[in-house]
């Protein structure tokens, strides 16, 4: 009887340790916490389909080329935005992808605000523009090295 109790306690302890390790790995990878990054991990040029590009600089300035302003009902990029401006990174949040806000000057007296979100920890999966609130589809930009 004592051996059965001891074996049961040992099994429970191993299960808790294994579950804790898996939870740690899921949180560390960003699978549970959402995408997040430090400013330094975002600095550089990011490219996407159709010639879209955004460059985020260390001094907080940004340049965008052909960034989709909107998406059609069938998720095609529309109203490309090109210009120069500034970018900011919000503080990291739990369970939600961290957001980057880019404000570009697109003409005399005209500005466009573009929101990007981060994929994975350290933006390893890129940054993206959400296509719509009803869809989980993303327009993903990958970093150029």
N, C-alpha and C. Protein backbone atom coordinates (compact mmCIF):
# COMPACT_ATOMS: atom_id res chain seq x y z
N UNK A 1 0.81 -1.19 0.00
CA UNK A 1 0.00 0.00 0.00
C UNK A 1 0.86 1.27 0.00
N UNK A 2 1.92 1.24 0.84
CA UNK A 2 2.81 2.39 0.91
C UNK A 2 3.50 2.64 -0.43
N UNK A 3 3.85 1.53 -1.12
CA UNK A 3 4.50 1.68 -2.43
C UNK A 3 3.55 2.30 -3.45
N UNK A 4 2.28 1.96 -3.39
CA UNK A 4 1.28 2.51 -4.32
C UNK A 4 1.11 4.01 -4.08
N UNK A 5 1.08 4.42 -2.83
CA UNK A 5 0.94 5.85 -2.50
C UNK A 5 2.19 6.60 -2.96
N UNK A 6 3.36 6.04 -2.66
CA UNK A 6 4.61 6.66 -3.05
C UNK A 6 4.70 6.78 -4.57
N UNK A 7 4.30 5.73 -5.28
CA UNK A 7 4.30 5.75 -6.74
C UNK A 7 3.32 6.79 -7.28
N UNK A 8 2.15 6.90 -6.65
CA UNK A 8 1.15 7.90 -7.07
C UNK A 8 1.68 9.31 -6.88
N UNK A 9 2.31 9.57 -5.74
CA UNK A 9 2.88 10.90 -5.46
C UNK A 9 3.98 11.22 -6.46
N UNK A 10 4.82 10.24 -6.76
CA UNK A 10 5.88 10.44 -7.73
C UNK A 10 5.32 10.74 -9.12
N UNK A 11 4.29 10.04 -9.54
CA UNK A 11 3.66 10.29 -10.85
C UNK A 11 3.06 11.69 -10.92
N UNK A 12 2.39 12.11 -9.86
CA UNK A 12 1.80 13.46 -9.82
C UNK A 12 2.90 14.51 -9.90
N UNK A 13 3.98 14.30 -9.16
CA UNK A 13 5.10 15.26 -9.18
C UNK A 13 5.71 15.35 -10.57
N UNK A 14 5.91 14.23 -11.22
CA UNK A 14 6.46 14.24 -12.58
C UNK A 14 5.51 14.91 -13.57
N UNK A 15 4.21 14.64 -13.43
CA UNK A 15 3.23 15.27 -14.32
C UNK A 15 3.22 16.78 -14.15
N UNK A 16 3.27 17.25 -12.90
CA UNK A 16 3.30 18.69 -12.65
C UNK A 16 4.58 19.33 -13.19
N UNK A 17 5.69 18.67 -13.00
CA UNK A 17 6.97 19.20 -13.51
C UNK A 17 6.94 19.26 -15.04
N UNK A 18 6.46 18.19 -15.67
CA UNK A 18 6.38 18.17 -17.13
C UNK A 18 5.42 19.22 -17.66
N UNK A 19 4.26 19.36 -17.01
CA UNK A 19 3.30 20.38 -17.42
C UNK A 19 3.84 21.79 -17.24
N UNK A 20 4.55 22.00 -16.14
CA UNK A 20 5.17 23.31 -15.90
C UNK A 20 6.20 23.65 -16.95
N UNK A 21 7.00 22.65 -17.34
CA UNK A 21 8.01 22.87 -18.39
C UNK A 21 7.33 23.21 -19.72
N UNK A 22 6.29 22.48 -20.08
CA UNK A 22 5.58 22.75 -21.34
C UNK A 22 4.94 24.13 -21.32
N UNK A 23 4.37 24.52 -20.18
CA UNK A 23 3.78 25.86 -20.06
C UNK A 23 4.87 26.92 -20.21
N UNK A 24 6.02 26.72 -19.56
CA UNK A 24 7.13 27.65 -19.69
C UNK A 24 7.55 27.81 -21.15
N UNK A 25 7.70 26.69 -21.87
CA UNK A 25 8.11 26.73 -23.28
C UNK A 25 7.07 27.45 -24.13
N UNK A 26 5.79 27.23 -23.86
CA UNK A 26 4.73 27.90 -24.62
C UNK A 26 4.75 29.40 -24.39
N UNK A 27 4.95 29.80 -23.14
CA UNK A 27 5.02 31.23 -22.83
C UNK A 27 6.28 31.84 -23.43
N UNK A 28 7.40 31.18 -23.30
CA UNK A 28 8.68 31.67 -23.82
C UNK A 28 8.65 31.83 -25.34
N UNK A 29 7.94 30.96 -26.03
CA UNK A 29 7.88 31.03 -27.50
C UNK A 29 6.92 32.09 -27.99
N UNK A 30 6.06 32.62 -27.10
CA UNK A 30 5.07 33.60 -27.53
C UNK A 30 3.77 32.96 -27.95
N UNK A 31 3.65 31.64 -27.88
CA UNK A 31 2.43 30.95 -28.31
C UNK A 31 1.25 31.32 -27.44
N UNK A 32 1.49 31.61 -26.18
CA UNK A 32 0.39 31.97 -25.28
C UNK A 32 0.35 33.48 -25.07
N UNK A 33 1.49 34.12 -25.00
CA UNK A 33 1.54 35.52 -24.64
C UNK A 33 1.32 36.48 -25.80
N UNK A 34 1.37 36.01 -27.02
CA UNK A 34 1.27 36.90 -28.16
C UNK A 34 2.66 37.35 -28.59
N UNK A 35 2.74 37.93 -29.78
CA UNK A 35 4.02 38.39 -30.30
C UNK A 35 4.52 39.62 -29.56
N UNK A 36 5.82 39.67 -29.34
CA UNK A 36 6.40 40.82 -28.66
C UNK A 36 7.86 40.98 -29.10
N UNK A 37 8.35 42.20 -28.97
CA UNK A 37 9.74 42.47 -29.35
C UNK A 37 10.23 43.72 -28.65
N UNK A 38 11.53 43.85 -28.60
CA UNK A 38 12.17 45.08 -28.14
C UNK A 38 12.38 45.98 -29.35
N UNK A 39 12.49 47.28 -29.13
CA UNK A 39 12.70 48.22 -30.25
C UNK A 39 13.88 47.79 -31.12
N UNK A 40 14.99 47.38 -30.48
CA UNK A 40 16.19 47.02 -31.23
C UNK A 40 15.96 45.85 -32.18
N UNK A 41 15.02 44.97 -31.86
CA UNK A 41 14.74 43.82 -32.71
C UNK A 41 13.92 44.20 -33.94
N UNK A 42 13.33 45.38 -33.92
CA UNK A 42 12.47 45.82 -35.02
C UNK A 42 13.18 46.72 -36.02
N UNK A 43 14.31 47.26 -35.64
CA UNK A 43 15.02 48.20 -36.50
C UNK A 43 15.51 47.48 -37.76
N UNK A 44 15.19 48.09 -38.91
CA UNK A 44 15.59 47.52 -40.19
C UNK A 44 14.46 47.60 -41.20
N UNK A 45 14.65 46.95 -42.33
CA UNK A 45 13.67 46.95 -43.41
C UNK A 45 12.88 45.65 -43.40
N UNK A 46 11.59 45.79 -43.62
CA UNK A 46 10.65 44.67 -43.62
C UNK A 46 9.93 44.66 -44.97
N UNK A 47 9.89 43.51 -45.64
CA UNK A 47 9.31 43.39 -46.98
C UNK A 47 8.11 42.45 -46.99
N UNK A 48 7.17 42.74 -47.88
CA UNK A 48 5.96 41.93 -48.02
C UNK A 48 5.63 41.80 -49.52
N UNK A 49 4.63 41.00 -49.85
CA UNK A 49 4.25 40.86 -51.26
C UNK A 49 3.85 42.20 -51.90
N UNK A 50 3.84 42.21 -53.21
CA UNK A 50 3.44 43.38 -54.01
C UNK A 50 4.37 44.58 -53.85
N UNK A 51 5.62 44.35 -53.42
CA UNK A 51 6.57 45.44 -53.29
C UNK A 51 6.40 46.29 -52.05
N UNK A 52 5.55 45.85 -51.11
CA UNK A 52 5.35 46.62 -49.87
C UNK A 52 6.60 46.54 -49.01
N UNK A 53 6.94 47.65 -48.37
CA UNK A 53 8.13 47.70 -47.53
C UNK A 53 7.93 48.75 -46.45
N UNK A 54 8.42 48.46 -45.25
CA UNK A 54 8.48 49.46 -44.19
C UNK A 54 9.86 49.38 -43.57
N UNK A 55 10.46 50.55 -43.36
CA UNK A 55 11.77 50.64 -42.72
C UNK A 55 11.60 51.38 -41.41
N UNK A 56 12.03 50.73 -40.33
CA UNK A 56 11.95 51.30 -38.98
C UNK A 56 13.38 51.62 -38.54
N UNK A 57 13.61 52.90 -38.23
CA UNK A 57 14.96 53.33 -37.88
C UNK A 57 15.12 53.53 -36.37
N UNK A 58 16.36 53.46 -35.92
CA UNK A 58 16.70 53.58 -34.50
C UNK A 58 16.22 54.91 -33.91
N UNK A 59 16.27 55.99 -34.70
CA UNK A 59 15.89 57.31 -34.19
C UNK A 59 14.38 57.54 -34.15
N UNK A 60 13.58 56.50 -34.48
CA UNK A 60 12.13 56.62 -34.42
C UNK A 60 11.49 57.06 -35.72
N UNK A 61 12.31 57.30 -36.75
CA UNK A 61 11.73 57.65 -38.05
C UNK A 61 11.41 56.38 -38.82
N UNK A 62 10.52 56.52 -39.80
CA UNK A 62 10.08 55.38 -40.58
C UNK A 62 9.86 55.80 -42.03
N UNK A 63 9.96 54.81 -42.91
CA UNK A 63 9.65 55.03 -44.32
C UNK A 63 8.80 53.85 -44.79
N UNK A 64 7.74 54.16 -45.51
CA UNK A 64 6.87 53.11 -46.03
C UNK A 64 6.71 53.22 -47.53
N UNK A 65 6.66 52.07 -48.20
CA UNK A 65 6.47 52.02 -49.64
C UNK A 65 5.39 50.99 -49.94
N UNK A 66 4.33 51.42 -50.59
CA UNK A 66 3.25 50.53 -51.03
C UNK A 66 2.65 49.68 -49.90
N UNK A 67 2.53 50.26 -48.71
CA UNK A 67 1.91 49.54 -47.60
C UNK A 67 0.40 49.56 -47.82
N UNK A 68 -0.26 48.40 -47.77
CA UNK A 68 -1.70 48.40 -47.99
C UNK A 68 -2.44 49.24 -46.95
N UNK A 69 -3.26 50.16 -47.44
CA UNK A 69 -4.08 50.98 -46.54
C UNK A 69 -5.33 50.24 -46.11
N UNK A 70 -5.83 49.40 -47.02
CA UNK A 70 -7.04 48.62 -46.77
C UNK A 70 -6.92 47.31 -47.54
N UNK A 71 -7.90 46.44 -47.31
CA UNK A 71 -7.96 45.16 -48.03
C UNK A 71 -9.37 44.97 -48.56
N UNK A 72 -9.47 44.39 -49.75
CA UNK A 72 -10.79 44.12 -50.35
C UNK A 72 -11.47 42.98 -49.59
N UNK A 73 -12.72 42.74 -49.92
CA UNK A 73 -13.46 41.64 -49.28
C UNK A 73 -12.80 40.29 -49.51
N UNK A 74 -12.09 40.15 -50.65
CA UNK A 74 -11.39 38.90 -50.89
C UNK A 74 -9.91 38.98 -50.46
N UNK A 75 -9.62 39.93 -49.57
CA UNK A 75 -8.34 40.09 -48.87
C UNK A 75 -7.17 40.53 -49.75
N UNK A 76 -7.47 41.19 -50.87
CA UNK A 76 -6.39 41.74 -51.70
C UNK A 76 -6.01 43.13 -51.19
N UNK A 77 -4.70 43.46 -51.19
CA UNK A 77 -4.27 44.79 -50.73
C UNK A 77 -4.81 45.90 -51.63
N UNK A 78 -5.21 47.00 -51.01
CA UNK A 78 -5.73 48.16 -51.75
C UNK A 78 -5.18 49.45 -51.14
N UNK A 79 -5.31 50.53 -51.89
CA UNK A 79 -4.93 51.87 -51.45
C UNK A 79 -3.52 51.91 -50.85
N UNK A 80 -2.48 51.60 -51.63
CA UNK A 80 -1.12 51.58 -51.09
C UNK A 80 -0.70 52.96 -50.56
N UNK A 81 0.03 52.91 -49.46
CA UNK A 81 0.48 54.13 -48.79
C UNK A 81 2.01 54.19 -48.89
N UNK A 82 2.52 55.36 -49.30
CA UNK A 82 3.96 55.60 -49.38
C UNK A 82 4.25 56.93 -48.71
N UNK A 83 5.30 56.98 -47.91
CA UNK A 83 5.67 58.23 -47.26
C UNK A 83 6.73 58.02 -46.20
N UNK A 84 7.06 59.11 -45.52
CA UNK A 84 8.04 59.08 -44.44
C UNK A 84 7.39 59.65 -43.19
N UNK A 85 7.85 59.19 -42.03
CA UNK A 85 7.28 59.68 -40.78
C UNK A 85 7.96 59.10 -39.57
N UNK A 86 7.15 58.67 -38.59
CA UNK A 86 7.68 58.18 -37.32
C UNK A 86 6.99 56.88 -36.93
N UNK A 87 7.66 56.13 -36.04
CA UNK A 87 7.06 54.90 -35.53
C UNK A 87 7.21 54.82 -34.02
N UNK A 88 6.26 54.15 -33.38
CA UNK A 88 6.30 53.91 -31.94
C UNK A 88 5.92 52.46 -31.68
N UNK A 89 6.40 51.95 -30.56
CA UNK A 89 6.12 50.59 -30.13
C UNK A 89 5.41 50.65 -28.80
N UNK A 90 4.22 50.04 -28.74
CA UNK A 90 3.50 50.03 -27.46
C UNK A 90 4.18 49.08 -26.48
N UNK A 91 3.88 49.25 -25.21
CA UNK A 91 4.39 48.33 -24.20
C UNK A 91 3.79 46.96 -24.47
N UNK A 92 4.54 45.92 -24.15
CA UNK A 92 4.06 44.55 -24.35
C UNK A 92 2.82 44.25 -23.53
N UNK A 93 1.93 43.46 -24.11
CA UNK A 93 0.70 43.05 -23.41
C UNK A 93 0.65 41.53 -23.37
N UNK A 94 -0.01 41.00 -22.38
CA UNK A 94 -0.16 39.56 -22.26
C UNK A 94 -1.30 39.09 -23.16
N UNK A 95 -1.12 37.98 -23.82
CA UNK A 95 -2.12 37.29 -24.63
C UNK A 95 -2.49 38.01 -25.94
N UNK A 96 -1.91 39.14 -26.23
CA UNK A 96 -2.22 39.89 -27.44
C UNK A 96 -0.93 40.29 -28.12
N UNK A 97 -0.90 40.27 -29.45
CA UNK A 97 0.30 40.68 -30.18
C UNK A 97 0.57 42.17 -29.94
N UNK A 98 1.82 42.47 -29.64
CA UNK A 98 2.26 43.85 -29.41
C UNK A 98 2.09 44.65 -30.70
N UNK A 99 1.80 45.93 -30.55
CA UNK A 99 1.48 46.76 -31.70
C UNK A 99 2.55 47.82 -31.98
N UNK A 100 2.80 48.03 -33.28
CA UNK A 100 3.69 49.08 -33.77
C UNK A 100 2.80 50.07 -34.52
N UNK A 101 2.93 51.35 -34.20
CA UNK A 101 2.16 52.37 -34.91
C UNK A 101 3.12 53.19 -35.76
N UNK A 102 2.82 53.27 -37.05
CA UNK A 102 3.62 54.04 -38.00
C UNK A 102 2.73 55.17 -38.53
N UNK A 103 3.19 56.40 -38.40
CA UNK A 103 2.47 57.56 -38.94
C UNK A 103 3.31 58.14 -40.06
N UNK A 104 2.78 58.07 -41.29
CA UNK A 104 3.52 58.54 -42.46
C UNK A 104 2.91 59.81 -43.02
N UNK A 105 3.77 60.75 -43.41
CA UNK A 105 3.35 61.93 -44.15
C UNK A 105 3.22 61.50 -45.61
N UNK A 106 2.02 61.58 -46.14
CA UNK A 106 1.77 61.06 -47.49
C UNK A 106 1.54 62.15 -48.52
N UNK A 107 1.60 63.38 -48.12
CA UNK A 107 1.41 64.51 -49.02
C UNK A 107 1.28 65.77 -48.20
N UNK A 108 1.18 66.93 -48.86
CA UNK A 108 1.06 68.20 -48.12
C UNK A 108 -0.14 68.17 -47.18
N UNK A 109 0.14 68.23 -45.89
CA UNK A 109 -0.92 68.24 -44.88
C UNK A 109 -1.66 66.92 -44.71
N UNK A 110 -1.15 65.84 -45.28
CA UNK A 110 -1.83 64.54 -45.18
C UNK A 110 -0.96 63.54 -44.43
N UNK A 111 -1.61 62.79 -43.52
CA UNK A 111 -0.92 61.75 -42.77
C UNK A 111 -1.77 60.49 -42.75
N UNK A 112 -1.09 59.36 -42.72
CA UNK A 112 -1.78 58.08 -42.59
C UNK A 112 -1.18 57.33 -41.40
N UNK A 113 -2.05 56.78 -40.57
CA UNK A 113 -1.62 55.97 -39.44
C UNK A 113 -1.81 54.50 -39.81
N UNK A 114 -0.75 53.73 -39.67
CA UNK A 114 -0.77 52.31 -40.04
C UNK A 114 -0.38 51.50 -38.82
N UNK A 115 -1.19 50.51 -38.50
CA UNK A 115 -0.90 49.66 -37.35
C UNK A 115 -0.38 48.31 -37.82
N UNK A 116 0.72 47.91 -37.21
CA UNK A 116 1.32 46.60 -37.44
C UNK A 116 1.26 45.85 -36.11
N UNK A 117 1.32 44.54 -36.19
CA UNK A 117 1.42 43.71 -35.00
C UNK A 117 2.60 42.77 -35.16
N UNK A 118 3.07 42.23 -34.06
CA UNK A 118 4.28 41.42 -34.05
C UNK A 118 3.92 39.94 -33.98
N UNK A 119 4.62 39.13 -34.80
CA UNK A 119 4.45 37.68 -34.79
C UNK A 119 5.59 37.06 -33.99
N UNK A 120 5.28 36.27 -33.00
CA UNK A 120 6.26 35.52 -32.20
C UNK A 120 7.13 36.43 -31.33
N UNK A 121 7.89 35.81 -30.46
CA UNK A 121 8.81 36.54 -29.59
C UNK A 121 9.97 37.05 -30.43
N UNK A 122 10.32 38.32 -30.24
CA UNK A 122 11.43 38.91 -30.97
C UNK A 122 11.12 39.14 -32.44
N UNK A 123 9.84 39.09 -32.80
CA UNK A 123 9.38 39.29 -34.19
C UNK A 123 9.99 38.26 -35.14
N UNK A 124 10.30 37.06 -34.62
CA UNK A 124 10.90 36.02 -35.46
C UNK A 124 10.01 35.65 -36.64
N UNK A 125 8.70 35.74 -36.45
CA UNK A 125 7.77 35.42 -37.54
C UNK A 125 7.40 36.61 -38.40
N UNK A 126 7.97 37.79 -38.09
CA UNK A 126 7.71 38.99 -38.87
C UNK A 126 6.79 39.96 -38.14
N UNK A 127 6.34 40.95 -38.89
CA UNK A 127 5.31 41.88 -38.42
C UNK A 127 4.19 41.82 -39.45
N UNK A 128 2.99 42.20 -39.05
CA UNK A 128 1.87 42.06 -39.98
C UNK A 128 0.84 43.16 -39.83
N UNK A 129 0.09 43.33 -40.93
CA UNK A 129 -1.09 44.18 -40.94
C UNK A 129 -2.29 43.24 -40.84
N UNK A 130 -3.15 43.41 -39.86
CA UNK A 130 -4.36 42.58 -39.83
C UNK A 130 -5.22 42.92 -41.05
N UNK A 131 -5.76 41.90 -41.70
CA UNK A 131 -6.55 42.14 -42.91
C UNK A 131 -7.96 42.63 -42.56
N UNK A 132 -8.56 42.07 -41.53
CA UNK A 132 -9.85 42.57 -41.04
C UNK A 132 -10.08 42.05 -39.64
N UNK A 133 -11.02 42.67 -38.94
CA UNK A 133 -11.33 42.22 -37.58
C UNK A 133 -12.09 40.90 -37.59
N UNK A 134 -12.73 40.58 -38.71
CA UNK A 134 -13.49 39.33 -38.82
C UNK A 134 -12.63 38.14 -39.22
N UNK A 135 -11.40 38.40 -39.63
CA UNK A 135 -10.55 37.34 -40.17
C UNK A 135 -9.24 37.25 -39.39
N UNK A 136 -8.69 36.05 -39.32
CA UNK A 136 -7.38 35.90 -38.69
C UNK A 136 -6.26 36.02 -39.73
N UNK A 137 -6.62 36.35 -40.97
CA UNK A 137 -5.62 36.50 -42.04
C UNK A 137 -4.73 37.70 -41.77
N UNK A 138 -3.47 37.57 -42.21
CA UNK A 138 -2.48 38.62 -41.99
C UNK A 138 -1.73 38.92 -43.29
N UNK A 139 -1.34 40.16 -43.45
CA UNK A 139 -0.43 40.59 -44.52
C UNK A 139 0.93 40.73 -43.86
N UNK A 140 1.80 39.73 -44.05
CA UNK A 140 3.04 39.61 -43.26
C UNK A 140 4.23 40.26 -43.98
N UNK A 141 5.01 41.00 -43.19
CA UNK A 141 6.27 41.59 -43.62
C UNK A 141 7.39 40.80 -42.95
N UNK A 142 8.40 40.41 -43.72
CA UNK A 142 9.56 39.69 -43.19
C UNK A 142 10.78 40.61 -43.21
N UNK A 143 11.61 40.47 -42.21
CA UNK A 143 12.80 41.34 -42.10
C UNK A 143 13.86 40.93 -43.11
N UNK A 144 14.50 41.96 -43.69
CA UNK A 144 15.61 41.74 -44.63
C UNK A 144 16.91 41.80 -43.84
N UNK A 145 17.77 40.84 -44.06
CA UNK A 145 19.05 40.81 -43.35
C UNK A 145 20.19 41.02 -44.31
